[in-house]
Amino acid sequence: MRWIPKWYHLGMSVQIAVRLPDELVAYVDTLVSEGGGSRAAVVARALGLYQQQLSAERDARILEASGDYDDFDDLVGHVAVGD
């Protein structure tokens, strides 16, 4: 077996097959045609955003459970200034 350099794996990805409803495929294709890159890039971006959303929701649940909101007073004031 040949040795594969570590740097080779940095840019590699795993190919998977996914079945999607026709309307989602049409939407992905629309995004691609509008300059969104490839189908794979659109799906990867969408999954990345979904991952961020789930993480933010988890953080919000942790914050809600802790009940410690005092540290956010300055942030709320800063954001309110932009309104």
PDB file of N, CA and C in Angstrom:
ATOM      1  N   MET A   1       0.849  -1.180   0.000  1.00  0.00           N
ATOM      2  CA  MET A   1       0.000   0.000   0.000  1.00  0.00           C
ATOM      3  C   MET A   1       0.896   1.246   0.000  1.00  0.00           C
ATOM      4  N   ARG A   2       0.530   2.216  -0.807  1.00  0.00           N
ATOM      5  CA  ARG A   2       1.318   3.447  -0.904  1.00  0.00           C
ATOM      6  C   ARG A   2       1.006   4.365   0.265  1.00  0.00           C
ATOM      7  N   TRP A   3       2.017   5.129   0.650  1.00  0.00           N
ATOM      8  CA  TRP A   3       1.861   6.109   1.707  1.00  0.00           C
ATOM      9  C   TRP A   3       1.215   7.363   1.124  1.00  0.00           C
ATOM     10  N   ILE A   4       0.195   7.904   1.799  1.00  0.00           N
ATOM     11  CA  ILE A   4      -0.495   9.111   1.342  1.00  0.00           C
ATOM     12  C   ILE A   4      -0.125  10.245   2.293  1.00  0.00           C
ATOM     13  N   PRO A   5       0.427  11.345   1.776  1.00  0.00           N
ATOM     14  CA  PRO A   5       0.836  12.451   2.653  1.00  0.00           C
ATOM     15  C   PRO A   5      -0.353  13.036   3.420  1.00  0.00           C
ATOM     16  N   LYS A   6      -0.096  13.510   4.636  1.00  0.00           N
ATOM     17  CA  LYS A   6      -1.158  14.087   5.471  1.00  0.00           C
ATOM     18  C   LYS A   6      -1.833  15.279   4.798  1.00  0.00           C
ATOM     19  N   TRP A   7      -1.052  16.114   4.079  1.00  0.00           N
ATOM     20  CA  TRP A   7      -1.629  17.307   3.456  1.00  0.00           C
ATOM     21  C   TRP A   7      -2.688  16.954   2.423  1.00  0.00           C
ATOM     22  N   TYR A   8      -2.614  15.767   1.856  1.00  0.00           N
ATOM     23  CA  TYR A   8      -3.565  15.353   0.823  1.00  0.00           C
ATOM     24  C   TYR A   8      -4.988  15.306   1.376  1.00  0.00           C
ATOM     25  N   HIS A   9      -5.121  14.913   2.634  1.00  0.00           N
ATOM     26  CA  HIS A   9      -6.446  14.761   3.231  1.00  0.00           C
ATOM     27  C   HIS A   9      -7.080  16.090   3.645  1.00  0.00           C
ATOM     28  N   LEU A  10      -6.297  17.147   3.718  1.00  0.00           N
ATOM     29  CA  LEU A  10      -6.844  18.435   4.140  1.00  0.00           C
ATOM     30  C   LEU A  10      -7.909  18.953   3.188  1.00  0.00           C
ATOM     31  N   GLY A  11      -7.742  18.736   1.911  1.00  0.00           N
ATOM     32  CA  GLY A  11      -8.697  19.236   0.938  1.00  0.00           C
ATOM     33  C   GLY A  11      -9.697  18.191   0.468  1.00  0.00           C
ATOM     34  N   MET A  12      -9.620  17.020   1.020  1.00  0.00           N
ATOM     35  CA  MET A  12     -10.487  15.935   0.579  1.00  0.00           C
ATOM     36  C   MET A  12     -11.821  15.986   1.310  1.00  0.00           C
ATOM     37  N   SER A  13     -12.821  15.419   0.688  1.00  0.00           N
ATOM     38  CA  SER A  13     -14.130  15.316   1.309  1.00  0.00           C
ATOM     39  C   SER A  13     -14.700  13.934   1.002  1.00  0.00           C
ATOM     40  N   VAL A  14     -15.754  13.592   1.685  1.00  0.00           N
ATOM     41  CA  VAL A  14     -16.405  12.306   1.499  1.00  0.00           C
ATOM     42  C   VAL A  14     -17.641  12.517   0.638  1.00  0.00           C
ATOM     43  N   GLN A  15     -17.794  11.712  -0.361  1.00  0.00           N
ATOM     44  CA  GLN A  15     -18.964  11.805  -1.221  1.00  0.00           C
ATOM     45  C   GLN A  15     -20.064  10.936  -0.646  1.00  0.00           C
ATOM     46  N   ILE A  16     -21.280  11.509  -0.566  1.00  0.00           N
ATOM     47  CA  ILE A  16     -22.436  10.756  -0.099  1.00  0.00           C
ATOM     48  C   ILE A  16     -23.573  10.922  -1.103  1.00  0.00           C
ATOM     49  N   ALA A  17     -24.470   9.972  -1.103  1.00  0.00           N
ATOM     50  CA  ALA A  17     -25.663  10.068  -1.949  1.00  0.00           C
ATOM     51  C   ALA A  17     -26.830  10.474  -1.054  1.00  0.00           C
ATOM     52  N   VAL A  18     -27.583  11.472  -1.490  1.00  0.00           N
ATOM     53  CA  VAL A  18     -28.705  11.973  -0.713  1.00  0.00           C
ATOM     54  C   VAL A  18     -29.922  12.064  -1.615  1.00  0.00           C
ATOM     55  N   ARG A  19     -31.031  11.588  -1.133  1.00  0.00           N
ATOM     56  CA  ARG A  19     -32.292  11.726  -1.879  1.00  0.00           C
ATOM     57  C   ARG A  19     -33.046  12.933  -1.327  1.00  0.00           C
ATOM     58  N   LEU A  20     -33.423  13.835  -2.233  1.00  0.00           N
ATOM     59  CA  LEU A  20     -34.143  15.039  -1.845  1.00  0.00           C
ATOM     60  C   LEU A  20     -35.415  15.161  -2.675  1.00  0.00           C
ATOM     61  N   PRO A  21     -36.449  15.788  -2.113  1.00  0.00           N
ATOM     62  CA  PRO A  21     -37.662  16.040  -2.893  1.00  0.00           C
ATOM     63  C   PRO A  21     -37.348  16.935  -4.098  1.00  0.00           C
ATOM     64  N   ASP A  22     -38.105  16.764  -5.155  1.00  0.00           N
ATOM     65  CA  ASP A  22     -37.892  17.529  -6.390  1.00  0.00           C
ATOM     66  C   ASP A  22     -37.831  19.035  -6.152  1.00  0.00           C
ATOM     67  N   GLU A  23     -38.698  19.545  -5.278  1.00  0.00           N
ATOM     68  CA  GLU A  23     -38.733  20.997  -5.061  1.00  0.00           C
ATOM     69  C   GLU A  23     -37.454  21.493  -4.378  1.00  0.00           C
ATOM     70  N   LEU A  24     -36.861  20.687  -3.520  1.00  0.00           N
ATOM     71  CA  LEU A  24     -35.592  21.093  -2.917  1.00  0.00           C
ATOM     72  C   LEU A  24     -34.456  21.059  -3.935  1.00  0.00           C
ATOM     73  N   VAL A  25     -34.461  20.061  -4.793  1.00  0.00           N
ATOM     74  CA  VAL A  25     -33.438  19.988  -5.843  1.00  0.00           C
ATOM     75  C   VAL A  25     -33.578  21.182  -6.781  1.00  0.00           C
ATOM     76  N   ALA A  26     -34.800  21.541  -7.123  1.00  0.00           N
ATOM     77  CA  ALA A  26     -35.029  22.702  -7.986  1.00  0.00           C
ATOM     78  C   ALA A  26     -34.504  23.972  -7.306  1.00  0.00           C
ATOM     79  N   TYR A  27     -34.729  24.089  -6.006  1.00  0.00           N
ATOM     80  CA  TYR A  27     -34.241  25.256  -5.271  1.00  0.00           C
ATOM     81  C   TYR A  27     -32.711  25.279  -5.240  1.00  0.00           C
ATOM     82  N   VAL A  28     -32.100  24.151  -4.981  1.00  0.00           N
ATOM     83  CA  VAL A  28     -30.638  24.061  -4.996  1.00  0.00           C
ATOM     84  C   VAL A  28     -30.106  24.466  -6.366  1.00  0.00           C
ATOM     85  N   ASP A  29     -30.735  23.951  -7.423  1.00  0.00           N
ATOM     86  CA  ASP A  29     -30.300  24.286  -8.781  1.00  0.00           C
ATOM     87  C   ASP A  29     -30.465  25.773  -9.080  1.00  0.00           C
ATOM     88  N   THR A  30     -31.516  26.389  -8.534  1.00  0.00           N
ATOM     89  CA  THR A  30     -31.702  27.829  -8.692  1.00  0.00           C
ATOM     90  C   THR A  30     -30.560  28.584  -8.022  1.00  0.00           C
ATOM     91  N   LEU A  31     -30.205  28.174  -6.819  1.00  0.00           N
ATOM     92  CA  LEU A  31     -29.089  28.813  -6.118  1.00  0.00           C
ATOM     93  C   LEU A  31     -27.783  28.645  -6.882  1.00  0.00           C
ATOM     94  N   VAL A  32     -27.575  27.468  -7.444  1.00  0.00           N
ATOM     95  CA  VAL A  32     -26.364  27.209  -8.235  1.00  0.00           C
ATOM     96  C   VAL A  32     -26.337  28.125  -9.451  1.00  0.00           C
ATOM     97  N   SER A  33     -27.469  28.243 -10.133  1.00  0.00           N
ATOM     98  CA  SER A  33     -27.522  29.078 -11.337  1.00  0.00           C
ATOM     99  C   SER A  33     -27.342  30.560 -11.019  1.00  0.00           C
ATOM    100  N   GLU A  34     -27.632  30.951  -9.773  1.00  0.00           N
ATOM    101  CA  GLU A  34     -27.456  32.346  -9.353  1.00  0.00           C
ATOM    102  C   GLU A  34     -26.049  32.599  -8.809  1.00  0.00           C
ATOM    103  N   GLY A  35     -25.157  31.645  -9.017  1.00  0.00           N
ATOM    104  CA  GLY A  35     -23.780  31.844  -8.594  1.00  0.00           C
ATOM    105  C   GLY A  35     -23.446  31.235  -7.250  1.00  0.00           C
ATOM    106  N   GLY A  36     -24.244  30.289  -6.804  1.00  0.00           N
ATOM    107  CA  GLY A  36     -24.019  29.683  -5.492  1.00  0.00           C
ATOM    108  C   GLY A  36     -22.960  28.606  -5.473  1.00  0.00           C
ATOM    109  N   GLY A  37     -22.264  28.407  -6.586  1.00  0.00           N
ATOM    110  CA  GLY A  37     -21.259  27.343  -6.642  1.00  0.00           C
ATOM    111  C   GLY A  37     -21.878  26.058  -7.169  1.00  0.00           C
ATOM    112  N   SER A  38     -21.440  24.967  -6.639  1.00  0.00           N
ATOM    113  CA  SER A  38     -21.960  23.670  -7.063  1.00  0.00           C
ATOM    114  C   SER A  38     -23.099  23.224  -6.143  1.00  0.00           C
ATOM    115  N   ARG A  39     -23.767  22.158  -6.524  1.00  0.00           N
ATOM    116  CA  ARG A  39     -24.789  21.586  -5.650  1.00  0.00           C
ATOM    117  C   ARG A  39     -24.179  21.223  -4.304  1.00  0.00           C
ATOM    118  N   ALA A  40     -22.997  20.620  -4.357  1.00  0.00           N
ATOM    119  CA  ALA A  40     -22.325  20.230  -3.112  1.00  0.00           C
ATOM    120  C   ALA A  40     -22.037  21.442  -2.240  1.00  0.00           C
ATOM    121  N   ALA A  41     -21.615  22.546  -2.843  1.00  0.00           N
ATOM    122  CA  ALA A  41     -21.319  23.758  -2.076  1.00  0.00           C
ATOM    123  C   ALA A  41     -22.575  24.321  -1.430  1.00  0.00           C
ATOM    124  N   VAL A  42     -23.690  24.304  -2.158  1.00  0.00           N
ATOM    125  CA  VAL A  42     -24.954  24.808  -1.613  1.00  0.00           C
ATOM    126  C   VAL A  42     -25.400  23.947  -0.437  1.00  0.00           C
ATOM    127  N   VAL A  43     -25.345  22.642  -0.593  1.00  0.00           N
ATOM    128  CA  VAL A  43     -25.762  21.735   0.482  1.00  0.00           C
ATOM    129  C   VAL A  43     -24.829  21.873   1.683  1.00  0.00           C
ATOM    130  N   ALA A  44     -23.532  21.967   1.448  1.00  0.00           N
ATOM    131  CA  ALA A  44     -22.577  22.116   2.546  1.00  0.00           C
ATOM    132  C   ALA A  44     -22.819  23.420   3.306  1.00  0.00           C
ATOM    133  N   ARG A  45     -23.084  24.514   2.566  1.00  0.00           N
ATOM    134  CA  ARG A  45     -23.371  25.793   3.213  1.00  0.00           C
ATOM    135  C   ARG A  45     -24.641  25.700   4.055  1.00  0.00           C
ATOM    136  N   ALA A  46     -25.674  25.067   3.508  1.00  0.00           N
ATOM    137  CA  ALA A  46     -26.946  24.923   4.225  1.00  0.00           C
ATOM    138  C   ALA A  46     -26.756  24.102   5.499  1.00  0.00           C
ATOM    139  N   LEU A  47     -26.009  23.020   5.412  1.00  0.00           N
ATOM    140  CA  LEU A  47     -25.774  22.200   6.594  1.00  0.00           C
ATOM    141  C   LEU A  47     -24.933  22.948   7.625  1.00  0.00           C
ATOM    142  N   GLY A  48     -23.982  23.741   7.170  1.00  0.00           N
ATOM    143  CA  GLY A  48     -23.184  24.546   8.090  1.00  0.00           C
ATOM    144  C   GLY A  48     -24.042  25.556   8.839  1.00  0.00           C
ATOM    145  N   LEU A  49     -24.958  26.205   8.114  1.00  0.00           N
ATOM    146  CA  LEU A  49     -25.866  27.159   8.755  1.00  0.00           C
ATOM    147  C   LEU A  49     -26.793  26.453   9.741  1.00  0.00           C
ATOM    148  N   TYR A  50     -27.262  25.277   9.371  1.00  0.00           N
ATOM    149  CA  TYR A  50     -28.137  24.509  10.267  1.00  0.00           C
ATOM    150  C   TYR A  50     -27.376  24.088  11.520  1.00  0.00           C
ATOM    151  N   GLN A  51     -26.129  23.717  11.350  1.00  0.00           N
ATOM    152  CA  GLN A  51     -25.292  23.353  12.492  1.00  0.00           C
ATOM    153  C   GLN A  51     -25.126  24.550  13.440  1.00  0.00           C
ATOM    154  N   GLN A  52     -24.909  25.741  12.879  1.00  0.00           N
ATOM    155  CA  GLN A  52     -24.804  26.951  13.695  1.00  0.00           C
ATOM    156  C   GLN A  52     -26.108  27.243  14.430  1.00  0.00           C
ATOM    157  N   GLN A  53     -27.230  27.047  13.745  1.00  0.00           N
ATOM    158  CA  GLN A  53     -28.536  27.293  14.355  1.00  0.00           C
ATOM    159  C   GLN A  53     -28.756  26.365  15.545  1.00  0.00           C
ATOM    160  N   LEU A  54     -28.472  25.080  15.362  1.00  0.00           N
ATOM    161  CA  LEU A  54     -28.652  24.122  16.452  1.00  0.00           C
ATOM    162  C   LEU A  54     -27.747  24.455  17.636  1.00  0.00           C
ATOM    163  N   SER A  55     -26.535  24.887  17.342  1.00  0.00           N
ATOM    164  CA  SER A  55     -25.600  25.270  18.398  1.00  0.00           C
ATOM    165  C   SER A  55     -26.118  26.492  19.154  1.00  0.00           C
ATOM    166  N   ALA A  56     -26.641  27.475  18.426  1.00  0.00           N
ATOM    167  CA  ALA A  56     -27.184  28.681  19.059  1.00  0.00           C
ATOM    168  C   ALA A  56     -28.404  28.341  19.910  1.00  0.00           C
ATOM    169  N   GLU A  57     -29.254  27.445  19.422  1.00  0.00           N
ATOM    170  CA  GLU A  57     -30.425  27.029  20.196  1.00  0.00           C
ATOM    171  C   GLU A  57     -30.001  26.312  21.475  1.00  0.00           C
ATOM    172  N   ARG A  58     -28.966  25.471  21.369  1.00  0.00           N
ATOM    173  CA  ARG A  58     -28.454  24.772  22.549  1.00  0.00           C
ATOM    174  C   ARG A  58     -27.904  25.779  23.560  1.00  0.00           C
ATOM    175  N   ASP A  59     -27.155  26.763  23.059  1.00  0.00           N
ATOM    176  CA  ASP A  59     -26.611  27.798  23.947  1.00  0.00           C
ATOM    177  C   ASP A  59     -27.720  28.596  24.615  1.00  0.00           C
ATOM    178  N   ALA A  60     -28.778  28.893  23.868  1.00  0.00           N
ATOM    179  CA  ALA A  60     -29.906  29.645  24.426  1.00  0.00           C
ATOM    180  C   ALA A  60     -30.597  28.842  25.525  1.00  0.00           C
ATOM    181  N   ARG A  61     -30.732  27.539  25.336  1.00  0.00           N
ATOM    182  CA  ARG A  61     -31.343  26.681  26.375  1.00  0.00           C
ATOM    183  C   ARG A  61     -30.471  26.660  27.631  1.00  0.00           C
ATOM    184  N   ILE A  62     -29.158  26.600  27.441  1.00  0.00           N
ATOM    185  CA  ILE A  62     -28.242  26.620  28.582  1.00  0.00           C
ATOM    186  C   ILE A  62     -28.362  27.947  29.323  1.00  0.00           C
ATOM    187  N   LEU A  63     -28.391  29.046  28.589  1.00  0.00           N
ATOM    188  CA  LEU A  63     -28.525  30.365  29.198  1.00  0.00           C
ATOM    189  C   LEU A  63     -29.850  30.483  29.939  1.00  0.00           C
ATOM    190  N   GLU A  64     -30.917  30.001  29.322  1.00  0.00           N
ATOM    191  CA  GLU A  64     -32.230  30.067  29.951  1.00  0.00           C
ATOM    192  C   GLU A  64     -32.254  29.256  31.239  1.00  0.00           C
ATOM    193  N   ALA A  65     -31.623  28.091  31.220  1.00  0.00           N
ATOM    194  CA  ALA A  65     -31.588  27.239  32.410  1.00  0.00           C
ATOM    195  C   ALA A  65     -30.763  27.873  33.527  1.00  0.00           C
ATOM    196  N   SER A  66     -29.704  28.602  33.161  1.00  0.00           N
ATOM    197  CA  SER A  66     -28.850  29.214  34.187  1.00  0.00           C
ATOM    198  C   SER A  66     -29.503  30.448  34.787  1.00  0.00           C
ATOM    199  N   GLY A  67     -30.333  31.144  34.000  1.00  0.00           N
ATOM    200  CA  GLY A  67     -31.023  32.328  34.493  1.00  0.00           C
ATOM    201  C   GLY A  67     -30.114  33.524  34.716  1.00  0.00           C
ATOM    202  N   ASP A  68     -28.883  33.481  34.261  1.00  0.00           N
ATOM    203  CA  ASP A  68     -27.927  34.567  34.478  1.00  0.00           C
ATOM    204  C   ASP A  68     -27.893  35.482  33.254  1.00  0.00           C
ATOM    205  N   TYR A  69     -28.753  36.496  33.269  1.00  0.00           N
ATOM    206  CA  TYR A  69     -28.864  37.396  32.119  1.00  0.00           C
ATOM    207  C   TYR A  69     -28.152  38.728  32.346  1.00  0.00           C
ATOM    208  N   ASP A  70     -27.638  38.986  33.548  1.00  0.00           N
ATOM    209  CA  ASP A  70     -27.050  40.291  33.873  1.00  0.00           C
ATOM    210  C   ASP A  70     -25.878  40.654  32.968  1.00  0.00           C
ATOM    211  N   ASP A  71     -25.134  39.686  32.531  1.00  0.00           N
ATOM    212  CA  ASP A  71     -23.971  39.963  31.689  1.00  0.00           C
ATOM    213  C   ASP A  71     -24.354  40.500  30.313  1.00  0.00           C
ATOM    214  N   PHE A  72     -25.628  40.433  29.961  1.00  0.00           N
ATOM    215  CA  PHE A  72     -26.056  40.848  28.630  1.00  0.00           C
ATOM    216  C   PHE A  72     -26.637  42.256  28.591  1.00  0.00           C
ATOM    217  N   ASP A  73     -26.689  42.942  29.723  1.00  0.00           N
ATOM    218  CA  ASP A  73     -27.269  44.289  29.751  1.00  0.00           C
ATOM    219  C   ASP A  73     -26.538  45.251  28.818  1.00  0.00           C
ATOM    220  N   ASP A  74     -25.208  45.233  28.872  1.00  0.00           N
ATOM    221  CA  ASP A  74     -24.430  46.126  28.004  1.00  0.00           C
ATOM    222  C   ASP A  74     -24.625  45.774  26.534  1.00  0.00           C
ATOM    223  N   LEU A  75     -24.696  44.495  26.232  1.00  0.00           N
ATOM    224  CA  LEU A  75     -24.894  44.066  24.847  1.00  0.00           C
ATOM    225  C   LEU A  75     -26.257  44.518  24.331  1.00  0.00           C
ATOM    226  N   VAL A  76     -27.286  44.366  25.131  1.00  0.00           N
ATOM    227  CA  VAL A  76     -28.627  44.791  24.730  1.00  0.00           C
ATOM    228  C   VAL A  76     -28.638  46.299  24.480  1.00  0.00           C
ATOM    229  N   GLY A  77     -27.984  47.048  25.349  1.00  0.00           N
ATOM    230  CA  GLY A  77     -27.913  48.490  25.161  1.00  0.00           C
ATOM    231  C   GLY A  77     -27.181  48.865  23.894  1.00  0.00           C
ATOM    232  N   HIS A  78     -26.129  48.153  23.582  1.00  0.00           N
ATOM    233  CA  HIS A  78     -25.361  48.413  22.370  1.00  0.00           C
ATOM    234  C   HIS A  78     -26.184  48.112  21.116  1.00  0.00           C
ATOM    235  N   VAL A  79     -26.888  47.004  21.136  1.00  0.00           N
ATOM    236  CA  VAL A  79     -27.706  46.614  19.984  1.00  0.00           C
ATOM    237  C   VAL A  79     -28.873  47.565  19.806  1.00  0.00           C
ATOM    238  N   ALA A  80     -29.469  48.005  20.902  1.00  0.00           N
ATOM    239  CA  ALA A  80     -30.619  48.917  20.844  1.00  0.00           C
ATOM    240  C   ALA A  80     -30.235  50.251  20.230  1.00  0.00           C
ATOM    241  N   VAL A  81     -28.991  50.672  20.367  1.00  0.00           N
ATOM    242  CA  VAL A  81     -28.532  51.940  19.797  1.00  0.00           C
ATOM    243  C   VAL A  81     -28.648  51.926  18.285  1.00  0.00           C
ATOM    244  N   GLY A  82     -28.453  50.754  17.684  1.00  0.00           N
ATOM    245  CA  GLY A  82     -28.503  50.631  16.227  1.00  0.00           C
ATOM    246  C   GLY A  82     -29.901  50.747  15.655  1.00  0.00           C
ATOM    247  N   ASP A  83     -30.933  50.695  16.481  1.00  0.00           N
ATOM    248  CA  ASP A  83     -32.327  50.759  15.983  1.00  0.00           C
ATOM    249  C   ASP A  83     -32.695  52.114  15.490  1.00  0.00           C
TER     250      ASP A  83
END
